[in-house]
Amino acid sequence: MAKKVDLVGQRFGRLVVLYECDERRNGGVVWRCRCDCGNEINVRSGDLASGHTTSCGCYQRERTAEANTVHGMVRRGKHHPIYRTWCHMLQRCENPNTSNYKYYGGRGIKVYDEWHDAEKFIDWALANGWETSD
């Protein structure tokens, strides 16, 4: 049988080991750990040593949010008014299947090349006094 190693005070990713728990999982020692975000979780020795568990789950949530955020203009499933304005502008000027295309893109009105990037359009609009009418 391997000698038990005391992990108290050691850091594994975002986790710092606080103390050994009475609990055992699959024959392994379980440690109480505090994550950098403040949450506390119980983790098996093997999961700490292998690098399988390095946070309470906050790191994965941050990565998922980052991967799914393009422009930051959606909150609770609703688009910010300035983002909707940008989308509608592109549709009117570039999508022949849009009902208002004939008044914009159909007449040769084009979107400034730089404004195809939502962030650049939003920065310009805000710097030039854009206000929501909602």
Protein backbone atom coordinates (compact mmCIF):
# COMPACT_ATOMS: atom_id res chain seq x y z
CA MET A 1 0.00 0.00 0.00
CA ALA A 2 1.28 3.45 -0.92
CA LYS A 3 2.15 5.94 1.76
CA LYS A 4 -0.53 8.63 2.17
CA VAL A 5 0.74 12.10 1.22
CA ASP A 6 -0.50 15.15 3.10
CA LEU A 7 -1.80 17.64 0.52
CA VAL A 8 -2.95 20.36 2.95
CA GLY A 9 -1.85 23.79 1.71
CA GLN A 10 -0.87 22.55 -1.75
CA ARG A 11 -2.25 24.23 -4.87
CA PHE A 12 -3.69 22.35 -7.84
CA GLY A 13 -4.70 24.82 -10.54
CA ARG A 14 -7.24 27.12 -8.89
CA LEU A 15 -7.70 24.83 -5.89
CA VAL A 16 -5.92 24.97 -2.53
CA VAL A 17 -6.30 21.93 -0.29
CA LEU A 18 -7.80 22.79 3.12
CA TYR A 19 -8.11 19.45 4.92
CA GLU A 20 -8.70 15.72 4.53
CA CYS A 21 -12.34 14.63 4.66
CA ASP A 22 -13.63 11.52 6.43
CA GLU A 23 -15.27 10.53 3.14
CA ARG A 24 -13.66 8.03 0.73
CA ARG A 25 -14.52 7.66 -2.95
CA ASN A 26 -13.58 4.50 -4.83
CA GLY A 27 -11.01 3.77 -2.15
CA GLY A 28 -9.38 7.19 -2.56
CA VAL A 29 -8.82 9.92 -0.01
CA VAL A 30 -11.07 12.96 -0.45
CA TRP A 31 -9.82 16.48 0.27
CA ARG A 32 -11.75 19.68 0.96
CA CYS A 33 -10.45 22.39 -1.37
CA ARG A 34 -11.11 26.10 -1.77
CA CYS A 35 -11.21 27.48 -5.28
CA ASP A 36 -9.80 30.92 -6.13
CA CYS A 37 -13.39 32.06 -6.76
CA GLY A 38 -14.28 31.25 -3.12
CA ASN A 39 -16.27 28.03 -3.60
CA GLU A 40 -15.32 24.91 -1.67
CA ILE A 41 -15.52 21.40 -3.07
CA ASN A 42 -14.47 17.85 -2.17
CA VAL A 43 -12.00 16.23 -4.56
CA ARG A 44 -10.33 12.81 -4.68
CA SER A 45 -6.53 12.68 -4.39
CA GLY A 46 -6.23 11.02 -7.77
CA ASP A 47 -8.21 13.75 -9.49
CA LEU A 48 -5.97 16.43 -7.98
CA ALA A 49 -2.73 14.61 -8.75
CA SER A 50 -3.71 13.78 -12.35
CA GLY A 51 -4.83 17.36 -13.06
CA HIS A 52 -8.35 16.13 -13.84
CA THR A 53 -9.85 18.60 -11.34
CA THR A 54 -8.27 22.05 -11.14
CA SER A 55 -11.25 24.23 -10.17
CA CYS A 56 -14.75 24.03 -8.72
CA GLY A 57 -16.17 24.26 -12.23
CA CYS A 58 -15.80 28.02 -12.54
CA TYR A 59 -13.01 27.71 -15.10
CA GLN A 60 -15.19 25.63 -17.42
CA ARG A 61 -18.09 28.07 -17.04
CA GLU A 62 -15.78 30.99 -17.90
CA ARG A 63 -14.41 29.19 -20.95
CA THR A 64 -17.90 28.29 -22.16
CA ALA A 65 -19.12 31.87 -21.74
CA GLU A 66 -16.06 33.21 -23.54
CA ALA A 67 -16.47 30.76 -26.42
CA ASN A 68 -20.13 31.72 -26.84
CA THR A 69 -19.66 35.48 -26.60
CA VAL A 70 -18.95 37.18 -29.89
CA HIS A 71 -19.90 40.77 -29.24
CA GLY A 72 -21.43 40.88 -25.77
CA MET A 73 -24.68 42.38 -27.04
CA VAL A 74 -27.03 39.58 -25.95
CA ARG A 75 -28.43 39.40 -22.43
CA ARG A 76 -30.97 36.78 -21.35
CA GLY A 77 -31.67 35.92 -24.97
CA LYS A 78 -32.44 39.50 -26.03
CA HIS A 79 -30.25 41.59 -28.30
CA HIS A 80 -29.23 45.09 -27.30
CA PRO A 81 -31.05 47.74 -29.41
CA ILE A 82 -27.83 48.94 -31.05
CA TYR A 83 -27.00 45.37 -32.10
CA ARG A 84 -30.49 44.93 -33.58
CA THR A 85 -29.99 48.18 -35.49
CA TRP A 86 -26.73 46.83 -36.92
CA CYS A 87 -28.38 43.52 -37.95
CA HIS A 88 -31.31 45.28 -39.61
CA MET A 89 -28.98 47.65 -41.46
CA LEU A 90 -27.06 44.71 -42.91
CA GLN A 91 -30.27 42.95 -43.89
CA ARG A 92 -31.77 45.99 -45.65
CA CYS A 93 -28.59 46.68 -47.59
CA GLU A 94 -27.34 43.17 -48.40
CA ASN A 95 -30.16 40.62 -48.36
CA PRO A 96 -32.32 40.70 -51.50
CA ASN A 97 -34.88 38.49 -49.70
CA THR A 98 -35.61 41.22 -47.12
CA SER A 99 -38.76 43.26 -47.79
CA ASN A 100 -36.97 46.64 -47.51
CA TYR A 101 -34.01 45.62 -49.67
CA LYS A 102 -35.54 47.42 -52.67
CA TYR A 103 -35.29 50.73 -50.80
CA TYR A 104 -31.67 50.26 -49.71
CA GLY A 105 -29.48 47.58 -51.30
CA GLY A 106 -31.72 47.53 -54.38
CA ARG A 107 -30.97 51.25 -54.91
CA GLY A 108 -27.23 50.69 -54.52
CA ILE A 109 -26.91 51.73 -50.86
CA LYS A 110 -24.04 49.81 -49.31
CA VAL A 111 -22.73 49.30 -45.78
CA TYR A 112 -19.35 50.86 -45.07
CA ASP A 113 -16.80 47.98 -45.25
CA GLU A 114 -15.53 48.51 -41.71
CA TRP A 115 -19.10 48.26 -40.35
CA HIS A 116 -19.38 44.58 -41.27
CA ASP A 117 -17.68 44.11 -37.89
CA ALA A 118 -20.38 44.69 -35.23
CA GLU A 119 -17.89 46.03 -32.69
CA LYS A 120 -16.58 48.68 -35.07
CA PHE A 121 -20.10 49.82 -35.95
CA ILE A 122 -21.13 49.95 -32.29
CA ASP A 123 -17.99 51.90 -31.33
CA TRP A 124 -18.66 54.42 -34.10
CA ALA A 125 -22.35 54.76 -33.22
CA LEU A 126 -21.69 55.32 -29.52
CA ALA A 127 -18.91 57.83 -30.24
CA ASN A 128 -21.32 59.75 -32.48
CA GLY A 129 -24.19 60.11 -30.05
CA TRP A 130 -26.31 57.01 -30.72
CA GLU A 131 -29.23 56.78 -28.32
CA THR A 132 -31.87 54.09 -28.04
CA SER A 133 -35.43 54.98 -28.96
CA ASP A 134 -36.80 52.12 -26.80
